[in-house]
Amino acid sequence: MKHSIAPRALHLVLALGGMMAPFAISAAQADTVVKLGFSSPLSGPQAHYGKDNENATRLAIDDLNARPITIGGQKVKFELVSEDDQADPRVGTQVAQRLVDAGVKAVIGHFNSGVSIPASRLYADAGIPQLSVATNPAYTAAGYKTAFRLVGSDSQIGGALGRYAVMQLKAQRIAVIDDRSAYGQGIADEFIKSIAGMGKKPIRREYTNDKATDFTAILTALKAQNPDVVFYGGADAQAAPMARQMKRLGINARLMGGDMLSTPTFIKLAGADAAGHFSAVAGGELGARPAGKDFESRYKARFKQEVVLLGPQFYDGVMIVADAMKHANSTEPARFLPLIARTGYKGVTADFSFDGMGNLKNAPVTISAVEGNDWKVKSVVQ
């Protein structure tokens, strides 16, 4: 028996088909949403570093979304999943698990070595690439194929500062203080190794913590030994009051430290007592690269502030991931992870390539000193 659709029912089917057609077209044209994880300290005394990193990461994602790339035949829209790790290793591992559970395809972070190192295991277990500015050598020494360092290591930074102290500043009596964090202790250890290679030993080594602001007892003990250089492994929030207290106590030594000293915040907090002190950054001079100059200009226009420290490396981290996805024609970590390992991406901070452990090859170190109200480059060591 032949069945037919009644005219009224036929009209309903046609009407529904017409209504559904735009949805079908829309679904076919919908962007593929790719989540990228980010984490740094966004609260507490190191929040200025973290906000700088987050600003730069957002700028990178906005740049990518303004000129969408096509992967697997579909346009990709990148979405940032941002987390505050508070510069705390315990919080950092909780954050790492949340990012894994959120389905991020890669993580740009963390900022602190002490957070990046324990978090790296969770990302490795999940097969998620992690691009970090952690400088402690232990970050990549674990051998995780997912871990990449966007800057030089403490071995390079501490080594460069040690050589500069002995060879350029002609330091004879060197004291060392660190905040016992993975970063602070790591860079202090590397500095000591460096001066030991030139026949120097610290006249004294002291320890503090990353929350301290009163260093009177430590500095009083140092004053009796008349140091000409005091190396500090730690952040600007501690180095600035240390510089002021050195001046007040009549210690005429130069203060030296790693990249976490090399900020406008150190100069602001230390005031006139910042003059003559030294820092080193794991990277070349940003303004020396045309792409770096452009980044600085656009960052300042967008966020109404200067670059604080390592935000540009976070920007490059996002771009390295996107470039690897594009060349792999996939947003799946298993597919694009090998392309990160083989990258030749030319970023705003460096021409990136990684060794077999995920360390940045040919990482320069820039040594600067405070003159007036700014850091002035004194040497770039390749």
Protein backbone atom coordinates (compact mmCIF):
# COMPACT_ATOMS: atom_id res chain seq x y z
CA MET A 1 0.00 0.00 0.00
CA LYS A 2 1.42 3.37 -1.00
CA HIS A 3 1.72 5.97 1.78
CA SER A 4 1.78 9.71 1.20
CA ILE A 5 2.33 12.72 3.47
CA ALA A 6 -0.70 14.86 4.00
CA PRO A 7 -0.32 18.39 2.60
CA ARG A 8 -0.38 20.01 6.09
CA ALA A 9 2.26 17.59 7.40
CA LEU A 10 4.40 18.17 4.31
CA HIS A 11 4.30 21.93 4.88
CA LEU A 12 5.43 21.34 8.48
CA VAL A 13 8.37 19.17 7.39
CA LEU A 14 9.46 21.75 4.83
CA ALA A 15 9.12 24.57 7.32
CA LEU A 16 11.20 22.73 9.93
CA GLY A 17 13.81 21.91 7.31
CA GLY A 18 14.04 25.56 6.39
CA MET A 19 14.42 26.54 10.04
CA MET A 20 17.16 23.98 10.66
CA ALA A 21 19.23 24.80 7.58
CA PRO A 22 20.86 27.95 9.04
CA PHE A 23 21.81 25.97 12.17
CA ALA A 24 23.45 23.29 10.04
CA ILE A 25 25.38 25.90 8.07
CA SER A 26 26.34 27.69 11.28
CA ALA A 27 27.59 24.45 12.85
CA ALA A 28 29.67 23.68 9.80
CA GLN A 29 31.23 27.16 9.88
CA ALA A 30 31.77 27.31 13.68
CA ASP A 31 35.29 27.95 14.87
CA THR A 32 37.20 25.24 16.69
CA VAL A 33 37.76 26.54 20.21
CA VAL A 34 41.20 25.72 21.58
CA LYS A 35 41.88 26.33 25.26
CA LEU A 36 45.34 27.40 26.33
CA GLY A 37 46.27 27.36 30.02
CA PHE A 38 48.15 30.12 31.80
CA SER A 39 49.38 30.45 35.35
CA SER A 40 51.53 32.88 37.32
CA PRO A 41 51.21 34.70 40.66
CA LEU A 42 48.28 37.10 40.19
CA SER A 43 47.99 37.99 43.87
CA GLY A 44 50.49 38.67 46.64
CA PRO A 45 53.90 40.39 46.49
CA GLN A 46 54.80 38.87 43.10
CA ALA A 47 51.53 39.81 41.39
CA HIS A 48 53.25 42.49 39.25
CA TYR A 49 55.26 39.77 37.53
CA GLY A 50 52.15 37.64 37.02
CA LYS A 51 49.96 40.42 35.62
CA ASP A 52 52.72 41.30 33.18
CA ASN A 53 52.79 37.67 32.04
CA GLU A 54 49.01 37.50 31.78
CA ASN A 55 48.80 40.77 29.83
CA ALA A 56 51.31 39.51 27.28
CA THR A 57 49.58 36.14 27.00
CA ARG A 58 46.22 37.84 26.36
CA LEU A 59 47.85 40.06 23.75
CA ALA A 60 49.17 37.00 21.94
CA ILE A 61 45.76 35.31 21.96
CA ASP A 62 44.06 38.47 20.72
CA ASP A 63 46.63 38.73 17.92
CA LEU A 64 45.97 35.13 16.89
CA ASN A 65 42.20 35.56 16.97
CA ALA A 66 42.42 38.75 14.91
CA ARG A 67 44.05 36.71 12.11
CA PRO A 68 42.57 33.24 12.63
CA ILE A 69 44.63 30.26 11.53
CA THR A 70 42.98 27.27 9.88
CA ILE A 71 43.67 23.79 11.22
CA GLY A 72 42.02 20.67 9.90
CA GLY A 73 39.88 22.77 7.56
CA GLN A 74 38.38 24.91 10.35
CA LYS A 75 39.27 28.29 11.75
CA VAL A 76 40.63 28.17 15.27
CA LYS A 77 39.59 30.48 18.08
CA PHE A 78 41.95 30.48 21.05
CA GLU A 79 40.56 30.83 24.56
CA LEU A 80 42.66 31.63 27.65
CA VAL A 81 42.16 29.71 30.87
CA SER A 82 43.99 31.79 33.48
CA GLU A 83 44.86 30.66 37.01
CA ASP A 84 46.57 32.34 39.98
CA ASP A 85 49.19 30.03 41.48
CA GLN A 86 50.18 32.60 44.15
CA ALA A 87 53.86 31.67 43.64
CA ASP A 88 53.11 28.73 45.94
CA PRO A 89 54.18 25.17 44.95
CA ARG A 90 51.19 23.60 46.73
CA VAL A 91 48.69 25.92 45.04
CA GLY A 92 50.56 25.46 41.78
CA THR A 93 49.94 21.72 41.66
CA GLN A 94 46.24 22.31 42.37
CA VAL A 95 46.16 24.84 39.55
CA ALA A 96 47.94 22.42 37.22
CA GLN A 97 45.32 19.75 37.89
CA ARG A 98 42.51 22.25 37.22
CA LEU A 99 44.09 23.20 33.91
CA VAL A 100 44.43 19.54 32.92
CA ASP A 101 40.80 18.92 33.90
CA ALA A 102 39.71 21.99 31.88
CA GLY A 103 41.03 20.34 28.73
CA VAL A 104 43.73 22.86 27.84
CA LYS A 105 45.93 21.88 24.92
CA ALA A 106 49.08 23.57 26.28
CA VAL A 107 50.16 25.59 29.30
CA ILE A 108 52.16 28.82 29.23
CA GLY A 109 53.60 28.99 32.73
CA HIS A 110 54.40 28.91 35.49
CA PHE A 111 56.57 31.90 36.42
CA ASN A 112 58.38 30.56 39.49
CA SER A 113 60.76 27.62 39.36
CA GLY A 114 59.39 26.33 42.66
CA VAL A 115 55.92 26.12 41.13
CA SER A 116 56.91 25.00 37.62
CA ILE A 117 58.94 22.01 38.80
CA PRO A 118 56.22 20.11 40.72
CA ALA A 119 53.54 21.15 38.21
CA SER A 120 55.59 19.77 35.31
CA ARG A 121 54.92 16.18 36.38
CA LEU A 122 51.14 16.64 36.11
CA TYR A 123 51.42 18.12 32.63
CA ALA A 124 53.78 15.33 31.58
CA ASP A 125 51.36 12.67 32.85
CA ALA A 126 48.59 14.32 30.82
CA GLY A 127 50.77 14.74 27.72
CA ILE A 128 50.27 18.52 27.73
CA PRO A 129 53.13 20.79 26.58
CA GLN A 130 54.35 23.26 29.21
CA LEU A 131 56.34 26.33 28.18
CA SER A 132 57.82 28.01 31.24
CA VAL A 133 60.26 30.76 32.21
CA ALA A 134 61.49 28.65 35.17
CA THR A 135 65.26 29.12 35.37
CA ASN A 136 66.21 26.43 37.89
CA PRO A 137 68.03 23.65 35.98
CA ALA A 138 65.88 21.03 37.75
CA TYR A 139 62.86 22.08 35.65
CA THR A 140 64.14 20.33 32.53
CA ALA A 141 66.51 17.91 34.28
CA ALA A 142 63.54 15.63 35.04
CA GLY A 143 63.53 14.77 31.35
CA TYR A 144 59.82 15.31 30.65
CA LYS A 145 59.25 15.58 26.90
CA THR A 146 56.47 18.10 27.59
CA ALA A 147 58.68 20.67 29.40
CA PHE A 148 60.28 23.57 27.52
CA ARG A 149 62.25 26.51 28.92
CA LEU A 150 61.65 29.87 27.18
CA VAL A 151 64.73 31.56 28.70
CA GLY A 152 68.22 30.66 29.79
CA SER A 153 68.78 28.71 33.01
CA ASP A 154 70.28 29.74 36.34
CA SER A 155 73.50 28.10 35.17
CA GLN A 156 73.75 30.73 32.46
CA ILE A 157 72.45 33.69 34.51
CA GLY A 158 74.37 32.91 37.69
CA GLY A 159 77.44 32.09 35.66
CA ALA A 160 77.32 35.39 33.76
CA LEU A 161 76.83 37.39 36.97
CA GLY A 162 79.69 35.57 38.70
CA ARG A 163 82.06 36.29 35.83
CA TYR A 164 80.96 39.91 35.69
CA ALA A 165 81.46 40.38 39.44
CA VAL A 166 85.00 39.02 39.37
CA MET A 167 86.25 40.09 35.95
CA GLN A 168 84.49 43.44 35.44
CA LEU A 169 83.76 44.69 38.95
CA LYS A 170 87.02 43.18 40.29
CA ALA A 171 85.17 41.94 43.38
CA GLN A 172 87.35 40.38 46.05
CA ARG A 173 84.98 39.97 49.00
CA ILE A 174 81.65 38.51 47.88
CA ALA A 175 78.74 37.68 50.18
CA VAL A 176 75.72 35.62 49.10
CA ILE A 177 72.13 35.70 50.41
CA ASP A 178 69.16 33.74 49.08
CA ASP A 179 65.47 33.39 49.95
CA ARG A 180 65.52 29.56 50.02
CA SER A 181 63.06 29.35 47.12
CA ALA A 182 63.85 27.03 44.20
CA TYR A 183 64.66 30.13 42.15
CA GLY A 184 66.66 32.03 44.78
CA GLN A 185 68.69 29.10 46.02
CA GLY A 186 69.22 27.79 42.49
CA ILE A 187 70.64 31.03 41.09
CA ALA A 188 72.75 31.62 44.22
CA ASP A 189 74.25 28.12 43.89
CA GLU A 190 75.11 28.76 40.24
CA PHE A 191 76.67 32.14 41.10
CA ILE A 192 78.86 30.46 43.72
CA LYS A 193 79.91 27.78 41.22
CA SER A 194 80.87 30.51 38.78
CA ILE A 195 83.09 32.47 41.16
CA ALA A 196 84.60 29.20 42.46
CA GLY A 197 85.80 28.55 38.91
CA MET A 198 87.80 31.78 39.21
CA GLY A 199 89.26 30.91 42.58
CA LYS A 200 86.78 32.88 44.72
CA LYS A 201 84.71 31.71 47.67
CA PRO A 202 81.90 33.67 49.39
CA ILE A 203 83.09 35.33 52.57
CA ARG A 204 79.66 34.48 54.00
CA ARG A 205 76.40 32.88 52.90
CA GLU A 206 73.13 33.88 54.55
CA TYR A 207 69.50 32.83 54.14
CA THR A 208 66.16 34.59 54.42
CA ASN A 209 62.67 33.95 52.98
CA ASP A 210 60.55 35.40 50.21
CA LYS A 211 58.28 37.29 52.62
CA ALA A 212 60.99 39.08 54.66
CA THR A 213 61.54 42.85 54.57
CA ASP A 214 63.89 43.39 57.50
CA PHE A 215 67.46 42.27 56.81
CA THR A 216 69.18 44.27 59.55
CA ALA A 217 70.57 41.24 61.41
CA ILE A 218 71.97 39.63 58.26
CA LEU A 219 73.44 42.86 56.92
CA THR A 220 74.97 43.82 60.27
CA ALA A 221 76.80 40.49 60.30
CA LEU A 222 77.98 41.09 56.73
CA LYS A 223 79.15 44.64 57.41
CA ALA A 224 81.87 43.40 59.74
CA GLN A 225 83.37 41.45 56.82
CA ASN A 226 83.41 44.47 54.48
CA PRO A 227 81.95 42.92 51.28
CA ASP A 228 82.35 44.67 47.95
CA VAL A 229 79.54 42.65 46.30
CA VAL A 230 76.40 41.21 47.89
CA PHE A 231 74.64 38.70 45.66
CA TYR A 232 70.94 38.17 46.40
CA GLY A 233 68.91 35.26 45.03
CA GLY A 234 65.30 36.38 45.28
CA ALA A 235 62.69 38.90 44.17
CA ASP A 236 62.54 42.70 43.91
CA ALA A 237 60.14 43.02 46.87
CA GLN A 238 62.97 41.85 49.14
CA ALA A 239 65.95 43.23 47.21
CA ALA A 240 64.65 46.82 47.37
CA PRO A 241 64.46 47.08 51.19
CA MET A 242 67.76 45.21 51.32
CA ALA A 243 69.35 47.94 49.17
CA ARG A 244 67.91 50.67 51.40
CA GLN A 245 69.12 48.94 54.57
CA MET A 246 72.60 48.42 53.09
CA LYS A 247 72.81 52.16 52.50
CA ARG A 248 71.57 52.99 55.99
CA LEU A 249 74.13 50.65 57.58
CA GLY A 250 76.96 52.10 55.55
CA ILE A 251 77.61 48.98 53.45
CA ASN A 252 79.14 50.27 50.23
CA ALA A 253 78.91 46.99 48.34
CA ARG A 254 77.13 46.57 45.03
CA LEU A 255 73.99 44.45 45.19
CA MET A 256 73.64 41.90 42.39
CA GLY A 257 70.81 39.56 41.49
CA GLY A 258 68.99 37.71 38.74
CA ASP A 259 66.05 38.59 36.54
CA MET A 260 63.58 39.06 39.40
CA LEU A 261 65.55 42.17 40.43
CA SER A 262 65.51 43.61 36.93
CA THR A 263 62.21 45.46 37.22
CA PRO A 264 60.86 49.01 37.52
CA THR A 265 59.45 47.88 40.88
CA PHE A 266 62.95 47.45 42.34
CA ILE A 267 63.83 51.03 41.39
CA LYS A 268 60.52 52.37 42.67
CA LEU A 269 60.78 50.61 46.04
CA ALA A 270 64.49 51.26 46.58
CA GLY A 271 64.33 54.89 45.43
CA ALA A 272 67.69 56.67 45.26
CA ASP A 273 69.31 53.65 46.94
CA ALA A 274 68.75 51.57 43.78
CA ALA A 275 71.58 53.38 41.98
CA GLY A 276 74.63 51.34 41.08
CA HIS A 277 73.14 47.91 41.68
CA PHE A 278 73.18 45.13 39.09
CA SER A 279 70.87 42.47 37.66
CA ALA A 280 70.84 39.98 34.82
CA VAL A 281 67.98 38.84 32.60
CA ALA A 282 67.89 35.53 30.77
CA GLY A 283 67.40 36.99 27.32
CA GLY A 284 68.68 39.58 24.90
CA GLU A 285 67.77 43.25 24.90
CA LEU A 286 64.13 43.38 23.73
CA GLY A 287 64.53 46.70 21.93
CA ALA A 288 67.42 45.31 19.87
CA ARG A 289 64.99 43.12 17.89
CA PRO A 290 62.57 44.84 15.46
CA ALA A 291 59.75 42.54 16.60
CA GLY A 292 60.70 43.33 20.20
CA LYS A 293 60.40 47.07 19.65
CA ASP A 294 56.99 46.60 18.05
CA PHE A 295 55.87 44.42 20.95
CA GLU A 296 56.98 47.01 23.53
CA SER A 297 55.05 49.72 21.72
CA ARG A 298 51.86 47.71 21.38
CA TYR A 299 52.04 46.42 24.97
CA LYS A 300 52.39 49.95 26.35
CA ALA A 301 49.53 51.25 24.19
CA ARG A 302 47.25 48.40 25.24
CA PHE A 303 48.00 48.16 28.97
CA LYS A 304 49.19 51.72 29.74
CA GLN A 305 52.37 50.48 31.40
CA GLU A 306 55.89 49.35 30.57
CA VAL A 307 56.81 45.69 30.22
CA VAL A 308 57.73 44.45 33.71
CA LEU A 309 60.00 41.50 32.98
CA LEU A 310 59.22 38.23 31.17
CA GLY A 311 55.83 38.99 29.63
CA PRO A 312 57.38 38.99 26.12
CA GLN A 313 58.51 35.38 26.63
CA PHE A 314 54.95 34.40 27.56
CA TYR A 315 53.78 36.06 24.33
CA ASP A 316 56.33 34.00 22.40
CA GLY A 317 55.23 30.86 24.22
CA VAL A 318 51.68 31.23 22.90
CA MET A 319 52.96 31.86 19.38
CA ILE A 320 55.26 28.82 19.46
CA VAL A 321 52.30 26.61 20.39
CA ALA A 322 50.08 28.08 17.65
CA ASP A 323 52.87 27.72 15.09
CA ALA A 324 53.37 24.07 16.03
CA MET A 325 49.63 23.39 15.75
CA LYS A 326 49.56 24.99 12.32
CA HIS A 327 52.48 22.94 11.02
CA ALA A 328 51.07 19.74 12.52
CA ASN A 329 47.61 20.61 11.15
CA SER A 330 46.25 19.50 14.51
CA THR A 331 45.32 20.93 17.90
CA GLU A 332 45.93 17.62 19.64
CA PRO A 333 49.04 17.69 21.87
CA ALA A 334 50.21 14.25 20.73
CA ARG A 335 50.38 15.60 17.17
CA PHE A 336 51.87 19.07 17.69
CA LEU A 337 54.18 18.40 20.68
CA PRO A 338 56.98 17.04 18.44
CA LEU A 339 56.76 20.23 16.38
CA ILE A 340 57.45 22.35 19.46
CA ALA A 341 60.56 20.25 20.12
CA ARG A 342 61.72 20.97 16.55
CA THR A 343 60.60 24.60 16.37
CA GLY A 344 62.57 27.30 14.62
CA TYR A 345 60.10 30.04 15.53
CA LYS A 346 61.44 33.60 15.35
CA GLY A 347 59.81 35.44 18.24
CA VAL A 348 59.89 38.89 19.77
CA THR A 349 62.53 37.78 22.32
CA ALA A 350 64.60 35.14 20.52
CA ASP A 351 65.02 32.79 17.60
CA PHE A 352 63.73 29.71 19.35
CA SER A 353 65.14 26.21 19.19
CA PHE A 354 65.33 23.67 21.99
CA ASP A 355 67.85 21.01 22.84
CA GLY A 356 66.85 17.42 23.62
CA MET A 357 66.02 18.33 27.23
CA GLY A 358 63.77 21.26 26.32
CA ASN A 359 66.33 23.98 27.12
CA LEU A 360 66.54 27.07 24.96
CA LYS A 361 69.61 26.95 22.73
CA ASN A 362 71.88 29.99 22.36
CA ALA A 363 70.25 31.83 25.25
CA PRO A 364 71.84 35.25 25.82
CA VAL A 365 72.10 36.95 29.23
CA THR A 366 71.73 40.73 29.56
CA ILE A 367 73.47 42.41 32.51
CA SER A 368 72.22 45.86 33.52
CA ALA A 369 72.82 48.45 36.23
CA VAL A 370 70.57 51.13 37.68
CA GLU A 371 71.45 54.60 36.44
CA GLY A 372 69.06 57.40 37.31
CA ASN A 373 65.58 55.92 37.22
CA ASP A 374 66.20 53.11 34.76
CA TRP A 375 68.10 49.92 34.09
CA LYS A 376 70.93 50.51 31.61
CA VAL A 377 72.45 47.60 29.69
CA LYS A 378 76.10 46.99 30.51
CA SER A 379 76.79 43.71 28.77
CA VAL A 380 75.06 41.05 26.66
CA VAL A 381 76.65 37.62 27.06
CA GLN A 382 75.84 34.92 24.49
